[in-house]
């Protein structure tokens, strides 16, 4: 079983999601890191549970992606709301964020 370093996972997710917000929203994303941090804190319990399942092989990348997609409020991020971006941009961000999360899990747990 891969070693779970939850702190490293959460810090990596904050950095990756903040970068994605900046890429998606450009200059509007002045508080991207704070918004990404808020997102990670709000979803910490799910992320921790999923990390344990992923690291133990009970959850595949496909399973993780399905769980992320089924979590309705998972990507309820303030910057997306406040920026007034088009719905298609929000949907693209959500898809990209899911890919980033799955990649972080795969990289950190060597699966």
Protein backbone atom coordinates (compact mmCIF):
# COMPACT_ATOMS: atom_id res chain seq x y z
CA UNK A 1 0.00 0.00 0.00
CA UNK A 2 1.25 3.45 -0.89
CA UNK A 3 2.07 5.79 1.98
CA UNK A 4 -0.54 8.47 2.51
CA UNK A 5 0.83 11.95 3.13
CA UNK A 6 -2.39 13.91 3.41
CA UNK A 7 -0.60 17.19 4.07
CA UNK A 8 1.43 16.84 0.88
CA UNK A 9 -1.69 15.91 -1.09
CA UNK A 10 -3.68 18.90 0.18
CA UNK A 11 -0.80 21.35 -0.37
CA UNK A 12 -0.25 20.02 -3.88
CA UNK A 13 -3.95 20.35 -4.65
CA UNK A 14 -4.02 23.95 -3.41
CA UNK A 15 -1.10 24.88 -5.67
CA UNK A 16 -2.42 23.04 -8.71
CA UNK A 17 -5.98 24.35 -8.35
CA UNK A 18 -4.77 27.91 -7.75
CA UNK A 19 -2.71 27.69 -10.94
CA UNK A 20 -5.71 26.34 -12.82
CA UNK A 21 -7.90 29.19 -11.54
CA UNK A 22 -5.31 31.73 -12.67
CA UNK A 23 -5.12 30.11 -16.09
CA UNK A 24 -8.90 29.96 -16.40
CA UNK A 25 -9.73 33.42 -15.06
CA UNK A 26 -6.61 35.41 -15.86
CA UNK A 27 -6.30 38.71 -13.98
CA UNK A 28 -9.58 38.14 -12.12
CA UNK A 29 -7.93 35.38 -10.08
CA UNK A 30 -6.08 37.58 -7.60
CA UNK A 31 -7.23 35.41 -4.67
CA UNK A 32 -6.81 32.08 -6.46
CA UNK A 33 -4.67 30.52 -3.73
CA UNK A 34 -7.12 31.53 -0.98
CA UNK A 35 -10.03 30.15 -3.00
CA UNK A 36 -8.18 26.91 -3.70
CA UNK A 37 -7.30 26.63 0.01
CA UNK A 38 -10.97 27.15 0.95
CA UNK A 39 -11.99 24.48 -1.56
CA UNK A 40 -9.50 21.96 -0.15
CA UNK A 41 -10.54 22.67 3.45
CA UNK A 42 -14.25 22.31 2.61
CA UNK A 43 -13.63 18.97 0.90
CA UNK A 44 -10.88 17.69 3.20
CA UNK A 45 -12.92 14.80 4.66
CA UNK A 46 -13.86 13.42 1.24
CA UNK A 47 -10.35 13.93 -0.11
CA UNK A 48 -8.87 12.14 2.91
CA UNK A 49 -11.30 9.22 2.64
CA UNK A 50 -10.74 8.93 -1.11
CA UNK A 51 -6.96 9.15 -0.66
CA UNK A 52 -7.02 6.20 1.71
CA UNK A 53 -9.15 4.16 -0.67
CA UNK A 54 -7.01 5.15 -3.65
CA UNK A 55 -3.74 4.37 -1.91
CA UNK A 56 -5.01 0.95 -0.84
CA UNK A 57 -6.19 0.10 -4.36
CA UNK A 58 -9.87 0.09 -3.42
CA UNK A 59 -10.47 3.07 -5.69
CA UNK A 60 -9.22 3.42 -9.27
CA UNK A 61 -8.57 6.66 -11.14
CA UNK A 62 -11.85 6.07 -12.99
CA UNK A 63 -13.68 5.57 -9.68
CA UNK A 64 -12.13 8.75 -8.29
CA UNK A 65 -13.18 10.71 -11.36
CA UNK A 66 -16.75 9.41 -11.02
CA UNK A 67 -16.85 10.41 -7.33
CA UNK A 68 -15.59 13.89 -8.16
CA UNK A 69 -18.14 14.33 -10.93
CA UNK A 70 -20.97 13.17 -8.68
CA UNK A 71 -20.12 15.67 -5.94
CA UNK A 72 -22.46 18.52 -6.85
CA UNK A 73 -20.97 21.23 -4.64
CA UNK A 74 -17.39 20.07 -4.96
CA UNK A 75 -16.39 22.97 -7.18
CA UNK A 76 -18.37 25.71 -5.50
CA UNK A 77 -15.53 28.19 -5.69
CA UNK A 78 -16.01 31.88 -4.98
CA UNK A 79 -13.83 33.16 -7.81
CA UNK A 80 -15.87 31.26 -10.37
CA UNK A 81 -19.07 32.81 -9.01
CA UNK A 82 -17.71 36.33 -8.74
CA UNK A 83 -15.90 36.42 -12.06
CA UNK A 84 -19.08 36.16 -14.12
CA UNK A 85 -17.43 33.80 -16.59
CA UNK A 86 -19.58 31.89 -19.03
CA UNK A 87 -21.03 28.56 -17.93
CA UNK A 88 -18.95 26.78 -20.54
CA UNK A 89 -15.79 28.20 -18.92
CA UNK A 90 -16.96 26.98 -15.51
CA UNK A 91 -17.66 23.52 -16.95
CA UNK A 92 -14.21 23.44 -18.56
CA UNK A 93 -12.65 24.46 -15.26
CA UNK A 94 -14.50 21.67 -13.44
CA UNK A 95 -13.32 19.07 -15.98
CA UNK A 96 -9.76 20.38 -15.78
CA UNK A 97 -9.91 20.42 -11.96
CA UNK A 98 -11.05 16.79 -11.88
CA UNK A 99 -8.12 15.87 -14.13
CA UNK A 100 -5.73 17.79 -11.83
CA UNK A 101 -7.05 16.03 -8.71
CA UNK A 102 -6.80 12.58 -10.30
CA UNK A 103 -3.27 13.40 -11.50
CA UNK A 104 -2.25 14.53 -8.00
CA UNK A 105 -3.58 11.32 -6.47
CA UNK A 106 -1.83 9.21 -9.11
CA UNK A 107 1.47 11.05 -8.74
CA UNK A 108 1.52 11.07 -4.96
CA UNK A 109 0.42 7.48 -4.56
CA UNK A 110 2.46 6.10 -7.49
CA UNK A 111 -0.52 4.33 -9.03
